[in-house]
């Protein structure tokens, strides 16, 4: 009764991850772009090696 927060359930991992992603927008965008560039580099490299 002294703390109303203890009655609330803990936020889920997905909810915490989404909140963190919104707060750190630039870092998330940078990692997304790096992932896309890396994936494209791997695909182009495989296409070049297997032609």
N, C-alpha and C. Protein backbone atom coordinates (compact mmCIF):
# COMPACT_ATOMS: atom_id res chain seq x y z
N UNK A 1 0.80 -1.19 0.00
CA UNK A 1 0.00 0.00 0.00
C UNK A 1 0.85 1.26 0.00
N UNK A 2 2.04 1.18 0.53
CA UNK A 2 2.87 2.36 0.60
C UNK A 2 3.41 2.76 -0.77
N UNK A 3 3.56 1.78 -1.66
CA UNK A 3 4.11 2.08 -2.98
C UNK A 3 3.19 1.51 -4.05
N UNK A 4 2.56 2.38 -4.83
CA UNK A 4 1.62 1.90 -5.85
C UNK A 4 2.35 1.26 -7.03
N UNK A 5 3.63 1.55 -7.19
CA UNK A 5 4.39 0.99 -8.31
C UNK A 5 4.62 -0.51 -8.15
N UNK A 6 4.64 -1.00 -6.91
CA UNK A 6 4.89 -2.41 -6.70
C UNK A 6 3.74 -3.27 -7.21
N UNK A 7 2.53 -2.71 -7.31
CA UNK A 7 1.38 -3.46 -7.81
C UNK A 7 1.42 -3.59 -9.33
N UNK A 8 2.11 -2.67 -10.01
CA UNK A 8 2.18 -2.72 -11.47
C UNK A 8 3.15 -3.82 -11.91
N UNK A 9 2.82 -4.51 -12.99
CA UNK A 9 3.75 -5.53 -13.50
C UNK A 9 4.98 -4.88 -14.13
N UNK A 10 6.07 -5.61 -14.13
CA UNK A 10 7.29 -5.12 -14.76
C UNK A 10 7.06 -4.96 -16.27
N UNK A 11 7.59 -3.90 -16.90
CA UNK A 11 7.45 -3.77 -18.34
C UNK A 11 8.18 -4.91 -19.05
N UNK A 12 7.65 -5.31 -20.17
CA UNK A 12 8.26 -6.43 -20.90
C UNK A 12 9.58 -6.01 -21.53
N UNK A 13 10.35 -7.00 -21.92
CA UNK A 13 11.65 -6.74 -22.55
C UNK A 13 11.46 -5.96 -23.85
N UNK A 14 10.43 -6.32 -24.61
CA UNK A 14 10.18 -5.63 -25.89
C UNK A 14 9.85 -4.16 -25.65
N UNK A 15 9.03 -3.91 -24.63
CA UNK A 15 8.66 -2.53 -24.32
C UNK A 15 9.89 -1.72 -23.91
N UNK A 16 10.75 -2.31 -23.09
CA UNK A 16 11.98 -1.61 -22.68
C UNK A 16 12.89 -1.37 -23.88
N UNK A 17 12.99 -2.35 -24.77
CA UNK A 17 13.85 -2.20 -25.96
C UNK A 17 13.31 -1.10 -26.86
N UNK A 18 12.00 -1.05 -27.04
CA UNK A 18 11.41 -0.01 -27.89
C UNK A 18 11.63 1.37 -27.28
N UNK A 19 11.47 1.48 -25.94
CA UNK A 19 11.68 2.76 -25.27
C UNK A 19 13.14 3.20 -25.43
N UNK A 20 14.06 2.25 -25.28
CA UNK A 20 15.48 2.55 -25.42
C UNK A 20 15.80 2.98 -26.85
N UNK A 21 15.17 2.32 -27.83
CA UNK A 21 15.42 2.65 -29.23
C UNK A 21 14.94 4.06 -29.56
N UNK A 22 13.80 4.46 -28.98
CA UNK A 22 13.28 5.81 -29.21
C UNK A 22 14.18 6.84 -28.56
N UNK A 23 14.68 6.55 -27.36
CA UNK A 23 15.54 7.50 -26.66
C UNK A 23 16.88 7.65 -27.34
N UNK A 24 17.40 6.57 -27.92
CA UNK A 24 18.71 6.62 -28.58
C UNK A 24 18.53 6.48 -30.08
N UNK A 25 17.77 7.39 -30.65
CA UNK A 25 17.37 7.31 -32.05
C UNK A 25 18.56 7.30 -33.01
N UNK A 26 19.52 8.19 -32.79
CA UNK A 26 20.65 8.29 -33.72
C UNK A 26 21.49 7.02 -33.71
N UNK A 27 21.74 6.45 -32.55
CA UNK A 27 22.52 5.22 -32.45
C UNK A 27 21.78 4.07 -33.14
N UNK A 28 20.47 3.98 -32.93
CA UNK A 28 19.69 2.93 -33.56
C UNK A 28 19.70 3.07 -35.07
N UNK A 29 19.56 4.29 -35.55
CA UNK A 29 19.58 4.52 -36.99
C UNK A 29 20.94 4.16 -37.58
N UNK A 30 22.01 4.52 -36.87
CA UNK A 30 23.36 4.21 -37.34
C UNK A 30 23.57 2.70 -37.43
N UNK A 31 23.13 1.97 -36.41
CA UNK A 31 23.29 0.52 -36.42
C UNK A 31 22.45 -0.12 -37.51
N UNK A 32 21.25 0.43 -37.76
CA UNK A 32 20.39 -0.09 -38.82
C UNK A 32 21.05 0.09 -40.18
N UNK A 33 21.59 1.29 -40.42
CA UNK A 33 22.25 1.57 -41.71
C UNK A 33 23.48 0.69 -41.87
N UNK A 34 24.27 0.53 -40.81
CA UNK A 34 25.45 -0.33 -40.90
C UNK A 34 25.06 -1.78 -41.19
N UNK A 35 23.97 -2.25 -40.61
CA UNK A 35 23.50 -3.61 -40.86
C UNK A 35 23.09 -3.78 -42.32
N UNK A 36 22.36 -2.81 -42.86
CA UNK A 36 21.92 -2.88 -44.25
C UNK A 36 23.13 -2.86 -45.19
N UNK A 37 24.07 -1.97 -44.93
CA UNK A 37 25.28 -1.88 -45.77
C UNK A 37 26.08 -3.17 -45.69
N UNK A 38 26.22 -3.73 -44.50
CA UNK A 38 26.95 -4.99 -44.36
C UNK A 38 26.27 -6.13 -45.08
N UNK A 39 24.95 -6.20 -44.98
CA UNK A 39 24.21 -7.26 -45.66
C UNK A 39 24.33 -7.13 -47.17
N UNK A 40 24.23 -5.90 -47.67
CA UNK A 40 24.40 -5.69 -49.11
C UNK A 40 25.82 -6.05 -49.56
N UNK A 41 26.81 -5.72 -48.75
CA UNK A 41 28.20 -6.05 -49.09
C UNK A 41 28.38 -7.57 -49.17
N UNK A 42 27.79 -8.30 -48.23
CA UNK A 42 27.89 -9.76 -48.24
C UNK A 42 27.21 -10.31 -49.48
N UNK A 43 26.03 -9.83 -49.80
CA UNK A 43 25.30 -10.33 -50.97
C UNK A 43 26.02 -10.01 -52.28
N UNK A 44 26.55 -8.80 -52.39
CA UNK A 44 27.30 -8.44 -53.59
C UNK A 44 28.58 -9.26 -53.68
N UNK A 45 29.25 -9.46 -52.56
CA UNK A 45 30.46 -10.28 -52.55
C UNK A 45 30.18 -11.72 -52.94
N UNK A 46 29.12 -12.29 -52.43
CA UNK A 46 28.75 -13.66 -52.83
C UNK A 46 28.38 -13.74 -54.30
N UNK A 47 27.65 -12.73 -54.79
CA UNK A 47 27.28 -12.72 -56.21
C UNK A 47 28.53 -12.63 -57.08
N UNK A 48 29.51 -11.83 -56.65
CA UNK A 48 30.74 -11.69 -57.42
C UNK A 48 31.55 -13.01 -57.39
N UNK A 49 31.62 -13.66 -56.23
CA UNK A 49 32.40 -14.88 -56.12
C UNK A 49 31.77 -16.08 -56.84
N UNK A 50 30.44 -16.07 -56.96
CA UNK A 50 29.76 -17.23 -57.55
C UNK A 50 29.31 -17.00 -58.97
N UNK A 51 29.79 -15.96 -59.61
CA UNK A 51 29.35 -15.72 -61.01
C UNK A 51 30.00 -16.65 -61.97
